[in-house]
Amino acid sequence: MGTVRLHTSWTVRAASGSKTRKVLALERIVDATVITVHIILSISLIALILLHAGRGGGLSDAFGGGIGPAGGLSGSTVVERNLDRLTVFVAIMFAATTITLAWVLAP
């Protein structure tokens, strides 16, 4: 019986090569899925950071970020707070996929 060692502490014993190939195919699918999600999150994080208002207003003004009660800069608006929350969430997910990739792809 053949033995296949997974990235974790699990061991799968296969009497034939077909089960071994299925396990390796499943690993490849999981790896590709995590990498794809990681790439999407990285592009999203870049876009969200660019949308934040800098010293001079930034790109968030295009989506109503500079509209306040008096029409001027009056602190953080609802759009800016929601953009902050979304950016933090995407950054946390990016960190989680980074750790997952380090664990899954470790030799």
N, C-alpha and C. Protein backbone atom coordinates (compact mmCIF):
# COMPACT_ATOMS: atom_id res chain seq x y z
N MET A 1 0.83 -1.19 0.00
CA MET A 1 0.00 0.00 0.00
C MET A 1 0.87 1.24 0.00
N GLY A 2 0.51 2.19 -0.87
CA GLY A 2 1.26 3.44 -0.94
C GLY A 2 0.80 4.41 0.13
N THR A 3 1.67 5.29 0.53
CA THR A 3 1.36 6.28 1.55
C THR A 3 1.62 7.66 0.97
N VAL A 4 0.65 8.56 1.15
CA VAL A 4 0.78 9.93 0.69
C VAL A 4 0.76 10.83 1.91
N ARG A 5 1.76 11.66 2.03
CA ARG A 5 1.86 12.58 3.16
C ARG A 5 1.31 13.93 2.73
N LEU A 6 0.27 14.39 3.41
CA LEU A 6 -0.31 15.69 3.10
C LEU A 6 0.46 16.78 3.80
N HIS A 7 0.08 18.04 3.56
CA HIS A 7 0.76 19.17 4.19
C HIS A 7 0.53 19.19 5.69
N THR A 8 -0.55 18.59 6.13
CA THR A 8 -0.84 18.55 7.56
C THR A 8 -0.34 17.23 8.10
N SER A 9 -0.80 16.84 9.26
CA SER A 9 -0.32 15.61 9.88
C SER A 9 -1.14 14.39 9.44
N TRP A 10 -2.02 14.54 8.47
CA TRP A 10 -2.84 13.43 8.03
C TRP A 10 -2.06 12.56 7.05
N THR A 11 -2.32 11.28 7.10
CA THR A 11 -1.72 10.35 6.16
C THR A 11 -2.83 9.58 5.47
N VAL A 12 -2.76 9.52 4.15
CA VAL A 12 -3.75 8.80 3.38
C VAL A 12 -3.07 7.58 2.78
N ARG A 13 -3.64 6.41 3.03
CA ARG A 13 -3.08 5.18 2.48
C ARG A 13 -3.90 4.78 1.27
N ALA A 14 -3.21 4.48 0.19
CA ALA A 14 -3.90 4.14 -1.04
C ALA A 14 -3.41 2.79 -1.54
N ALA A 15 -4.35 1.92 -1.88
CA ALA A 15 -4.01 0.61 -2.41
C ALA A 15 -3.61 0.73 -3.88
N SER A 16 -4.16 1.72 -4.55
CA SER A 16 -3.83 1.92 -5.95
C SER A 16 -3.45 3.37 -6.17
N GLY A 17 -2.93 3.65 -7.35
CA GLY A 17 -2.50 5.00 -7.66
C GLY A 17 -3.65 5.96 -7.89
N SER A 18 -4.86 5.47 -8.13
CA SER A 18 -5.97 6.37 -8.43
C SER A 18 -6.35 7.22 -7.22
N LYS A 19 -6.35 6.64 -6.03
CA LYS A 19 -6.68 7.41 -4.84
C LYS A 19 -5.60 8.44 -4.56
N THR A 20 -4.36 8.07 -4.81
CA THR A 20 -3.26 9.00 -4.61
C THR A 20 -3.41 10.19 -5.55
N ARG A 21 -3.77 9.94 -6.78
CA ARG A 21 -3.95 11.02 -7.74
C ARG A 21 -5.12 11.91 -7.36
N LYS A 22 -6.18 11.33 -6.79
CA LYS A 22 -7.32 12.13 -6.37
C LYS A 22 -6.94 13.06 -5.23
N VAL A 23 -6.16 12.57 -4.29
CA VAL A 23 -5.73 13.41 -3.16
C VAL A 23 -4.84 14.54 -3.66
N LEU A 24 -3.92 14.23 -4.57
CA LEU A 24 -3.04 15.27 -5.10
C LEU A 24 -3.83 16.28 -5.93
N ALA A 25 -4.83 15.84 -6.66
CA ALA A 25 -5.67 16.75 -7.42
C ALA A 25 -6.45 17.67 -6.49
N LEU A 26 -6.93 17.13 -5.38
CA LEU A 26 -7.65 17.94 -4.40
C LEU A 26 -6.73 19.00 -3.79
N GLU A 27 -5.48 18.64 -3.52
CA GLU A 27 -4.51 19.60 -3.00
C GLU A 27 -4.27 20.72 -4.00
N ARG A 28 -4.16 20.36 -5.26
CA ARG A 28 -3.94 21.37 -6.29
C ARG A 28 -5.14 22.31 -6.41
N ILE A 29 -6.34 21.77 -6.28
CA ILE A 29 -7.54 22.61 -6.35
C ILE A 29 -7.58 23.59 -5.18
N VAL A 30 -7.27 23.10 -3.99
CA VAL A 30 -7.25 23.96 -2.80
C VAL A 30 -6.18 25.04 -2.95
N ASP A 31 -5.00 24.65 -3.41
CA ASP A 31 -3.92 25.62 -3.62
C ASP A 31 -4.32 26.69 -4.62
N ALA A 32 -4.89 26.27 -5.75
CA ALA A 32 -5.30 27.23 -6.78
C ALA A 32 -6.40 28.16 -6.28
N THR A 33 -7.32 27.63 -5.49
CA THR A 33 -8.41 28.44 -4.96
C THR A 33 -7.88 29.50 -4.01
N VAL A 34 -7.00 29.12 -3.11
CA VAL A 34 -6.46 30.08 -2.14
C VAL A 34 -5.62 31.13 -2.86
N ILE A 35 -4.85 30.73 -3.86
CA ILE A 35 -4.04 31.69 -4.62
C ILE A 35 -4.93 32.67 -5.37
N THR A 36 -6.01 32.17 -5.98
CA THR A 36 -6.94 33.04 -6.71
C THR A 36 -7.60 34.05 -5.78
N VAL A 37 -8.06 33.60 -4.63
CA VAL A 37 -8.68 34.51 -3.65
C VAL A 37 -7.65 35.54 -3.18
N HIS A 38 -6.42 35.12 -2.99
CA HIS A 38 -5.35 36.01 -2.53
C HIS A 38 -5.09 37.11 -3.57
N ILE A 39 -5.06 36.74 -4.84
CA ILE A 39 -4.82 37.73 -5.90
C ILE A 39 -5.98 38.73 -5.97
N ILE A 40 -7.21 38.23 -5.88
CA ILE A 40 -8.38 39.11 -5.91
C ILE A 40 -8.35 40.08 -4.73
N LEU A 41 -8.01 39.56 -3.54
CA LEU A 41 -7.94 40.42 -2.36
C LEU A 41 -6.83 41.46 -2.47
N SER A 42 -5.70 41.09 -3.06
CA SER A 42 -4.60 42.05 -3.19
C SER A 42 -4.97 43.19 -4.14
N ILE A 43 -5.62 42.85 -5.25
CA ILE A 43 -6.05 43.90 -6.18
C ILE A 43 -7.13 44.78 -5.53
N SER A 44 -8.04 44.16 -4.80
CA SER A 44 -9.09 44.92 -4.11
C SER A 44 -8.49 45.84 -3.05
N LEU A 45 -7.50 45.36 -2.33
CA LEU A 45 -6.87 46.18 -1.29
C LEU A 45 -6.16 47.38 -1.90
N ILE A 46 -5.49 47.19 -3.02
CA ILE A 46 -4.84 48.31 -3.70
C ILE A 46 -5.88 49.34 -4.13
N ALA A 47 -6.97 48.87 -4.72
CA ALA A 47 -8.03 49.79 -5.18
C ALA A 47 -8.66 50.54 -4.01
N LEU A 48 -8.92 49.84 -2.91
CA LEU A 48 -9.53 50.49 -1.75
C LEU A 48 -8.61 51.53 -1.13
N ILE A 49 -7.33 51.25 -1.08
CA ILE A 49 -6.38 52.22 -0.53
C ILE A 49 -6.30 53.45 -1.42
N LEU A 50 -6.35 53.25 -2.73
CA LEU A 50 -6.31 54.40 -3.64
C LEU A 50 -7.57 55.25 -3.55
N LEU A 51 -8.68 54.66 -3.13
CA LEU A 51 -9.93 55.41 -3.00
C LEU A 51 -9.95 56.33 -1.78
N HIS A 52 -9.09 56.08 -0.81
CA HIS A 52 -9.08 56.89 0.40
C HIS A 52 -8.66 58.32 0.10
N ALA A 53 -9.23 59.24 0.87
CA ALA A 53 -8.90 60.65 0.71
C ALA A 53 -7.53 60.91 1.33
N GLY A 54 -6.70 61.56 0.57
CA GLY A 54 -5.40 61.96 1.06
C GLY A 54 -5.48 63.37 1.63
N ARG A 55 -4.38 64.08 1.55
CA ARG A 55 -4.37 65.46 2.06
C ARG A 55 -5.23 66.38 1.20
N GLY A 56 -5.29 66.10 -0.09
CA GLY A 56 -5.98 67.00 -0.98
C GLY A 56 -7.35 66.51 -1.43
N GLY A 57 -7.91 65.52 -0.80
CA GLY A 57 -9.24 65.04 -1.18
C GLY A 57 -9.21 63.60 -1.65
N GLY A 58 -8.41 63.29 -2.66
CA GLY A 58 -8.28 61.92 -3.11
C GLY A 58 -9.39 61.47 -4.04
N LEU A 59 -9.38 60.22 -4.37
CA LEU A 59 -10.36 59.66 -5.29
C LEU A 59 -11.71 59.43 -4.63
N SER A 60 -11.78 59.45 -3.31
CA SER A 60 -13.06 59.21 -2.64
C SER A 60 -14.04 60.36 -2.90
N ASP A 61 -13.54 61.52 -3.31
CA ASP A 61 -14.43 62.63 -3.66
C ASP A 61 -15.32 62.29 -4.85
N ALA A 62 -14.84 61.44 -5.72
CA ALA A 62 -15.63 61.06 -6.89
C ALA A 62 -16.89 60.29 -6.50
N PHE A 63 -16.88 59.70 -5.32
CA PHE A 63 -18.02 58.91 -4.86
C PHE A 63 -18.76 59.59 -3.71
N GLY A 64 -18.62 60.87 -3.55
CA GLY A 64 -19.36 61.60 -2.53
C GLY A 64 -18.64 61.71 -1.22
N GLY A 65 -17.34 61.50 -1.19
CA GLY A 65 -16.60 61.53 0.06
C GLY A 65 -16.41 62.92 0.63
N GLY A 66 -16.45 63.96 -0.23
CA GLY A 66 -16.22 65.30 0.25
C GLY A 66 -17.49 66.08 0.54
N ILE A 67 -18.64 65.46 0.39
CA ILE A 67 -19.91 66.14 0.60
C ILE A 67 -20.26 66.09 2.08
N GLY A 68 -20.29 67.24 2.71
CA GLY A 68 -20.65 67.32 4.12
C GLY A 68 -21.88 68.18 4.30
N PRO A 69 -22.25 68.50 5.54
CA PRO A 69 -23.43 69.32 5.77
C PRO A 69 -23.32 70.70 5.15
N ALA A 70 -22.12 71.31 5.20
CA ALA A 70 -21.93 72.64 4.63
C ALA A 70 -21.31 72.57 3.25
N GLY A 71 -21.10 71.37 2.73
CA GLY A 71 -20.50 71.21 1.42
C GLY A 71 -18.98 71.22 1.44
N GLY A 72 -18.37 71.43 2.60
CA GLY A 72 -16.92 71.47 2.70
C GLY A 72 -16.38 70.21 3.35
N LEU A 73 -15.16 70.32 3.84
CA LEU A 73 -14.55 69.18 4.52
C LEU A 73 -14.96 69.23 5.99
N SER A 74 -15.83 68.36 6.39
CA SER A 74 -16.35 68.40 7.75
C SER A 74 -16.06 67.11 8.52
N GLY A 75 -14.84 66.63 8.43
CA GLY A 75 -14.51 65.40 9.13
C GLY A 75 -14.84 64.17 8.30
N SER A 76 -15.01 63.06 8.97
CA SER A 76 -15.28 61.82 8.23
C SER A 76 -16.77 61.68 7.96
N THR A 77 -17.08 61.36 6.73
CA THR A 77 -18.47 61.19 6.34
C THR A 77 -18.81 59.71 6.41
N VAL A 78 -20.04 59.39 6.14
CA VAL A 78 -20.50 58.00 6.17
C VAL A 78 -19.76 57.18 5.11
N VAL A 79 -19.54 57.77 3.96
CA VAL A 79 -18.85 57.06 2.88
C VAL A 79 -17.42 56.73 3.30
N GLU A 80 -16.74 57.68 3.92
CA GLU A 80 -15.36 57.45 4.35
C GLU A 80 -15.29 56.39 5.45
N ARG A 81 -16.23 56.43 6.39
CA ARG A 81 -16.24 55.41 7.45
C ARG A 81 -16.49 54.03 6.88
N ASN A 82 -17.43 53.92 5.94
CA ASN A 82 -17.70 52.62 5.33
C ASN A 82 -16.52 52.15 4.49
N LEU A 83 -15.84 53.08 3.82
CA LEU A 83 -14.65 52.74 3.06
C LEU A 83 -13.54 52.25 4.00
N ASP A 84 -13.42 52.89 5.16
CA ASP A 84 -12.45 52.44 6.17
C ASP A 84 -12.77 51.03 6.64
N ARG A 85 -14.02 50.77 6.94
CA ARG A 85 -14.43 49.43 7.41
C ARG A 85 -14.16 48.37 6.36
N LEU A 86 -14.49 48.67 5.12
CA LEU A 86 -14.28 47.71 4.04
C LEU A 86 -12.79 47.45 3.82
N THR A 87 -11.99 48.50 3.91
CA THR A 87 -10.55 48.36 3.74
C THR A 87 -9.96 47.49 4.85
N VAL A 88 -10.39 47.71 6.08
CA VAL A 88 -9.89 46.90 7.20
C VAL A 88 -10.30 45.44 7.02
N PHE A 89 -11.54 45.20 6.60
CA PHE A 89 -12.00 43.82 6.39
C PHE A 89 -11.18 43.13 5.30
N VAL A 90 -10.96 43.81 4.18
CA VAL A 90 -10.18 43.21 3.09
C VAL A 90 -8.74 42.99 3.53
N ALA A 91 -8.18 43.91 4.32
CA ALA A 91 -6.81 43.74 4.81
C ALA A 91 -6.70 42.53 5.74
N ILE A 92 -7.69 42.31 6.58
CA ILE A 92 -7.69 41.15 7.47
C ILE A 92 -7.80 39.86 6.66
N MET A 93 -8.67 39.86 5.65
CA MET A 93 -8.80 38.68 4.79
C MET A 93 -7.51 38.43 4.01
N PHE A 94 -6.84 39.50 3.57
CA PHE A 94 -5.57 39.36 2.87
C PHE A 94 -4.52 38.74 3.79
N ALA A 95 -4.48 39.19 5.03
CA ALA A 95 -3.54 38.61 5.99
C ALA A 95 -3.85 37.13 6.24
N ALA A 96 -5.14 36.80 6.33
CA ALA A 96 -5.53 35.40 6.55
C ALA A 96 -5.13 34.52 5.38
N THR A 97 -5.32 35.01 4.15
CA THR A 97 -4.92 34.19 3.00
C THR A 97 -3.40 34.09 2.89
N THR A 98 -2.68 35.12 3.33
CA THR A 98 -1.22 35.05 3.34
C THR A 98 -0.74 33.96 4.28
N ILE A 99 -1.31 33.91 5.47
CA ILE A 99 -0.96 32.88 6.45
C ILE A 99 -1.37 31.49 5.93
N THR A 100 -2.54 31.41 5.32
CA THR A 100 -3.00 30.13 4.76
C THR A 100 -2.07 29.66 3.65
N LEU A 101 -1.64 30.56 2.79
CA LEU A 101 -0.71 30.17 1.73
C LEU A 101 0.62 29.70 2.30
N ALA A 102 1.10 30.37 3.33
CA ALA A 102 2.35 29.94 3.95
C ALA A 102 2.22 28.56 4.56
N TRP A 103 1.06 28.24 5.10
CA TRP A 103 0.84 26.94 5.73
C TRP A 103 0.59 25.85 4.68
N VAL A 104 -0.19 26.16 3.67
CA VAL A 104 -0.55 25.16 2.67
C VAL A 104 0.61 24.84 1.74
N LEU A 105 1.36 25.84 1.36
CA LEU A 105 2.44 25.65 0.39
C LEU A 105 3.78 25.34 1.02
N ALA A 106 3.82 25.18 2.34
CA ALA A 106 5.07 24.85 3.01
C ALA A 106 5.55 23.45 2.60
N PRO A 107 6.84 23.28 2.43
CA PRO A 107 7.35 21.97 2.01
C PRO A 107 7.20 20.90 3.07
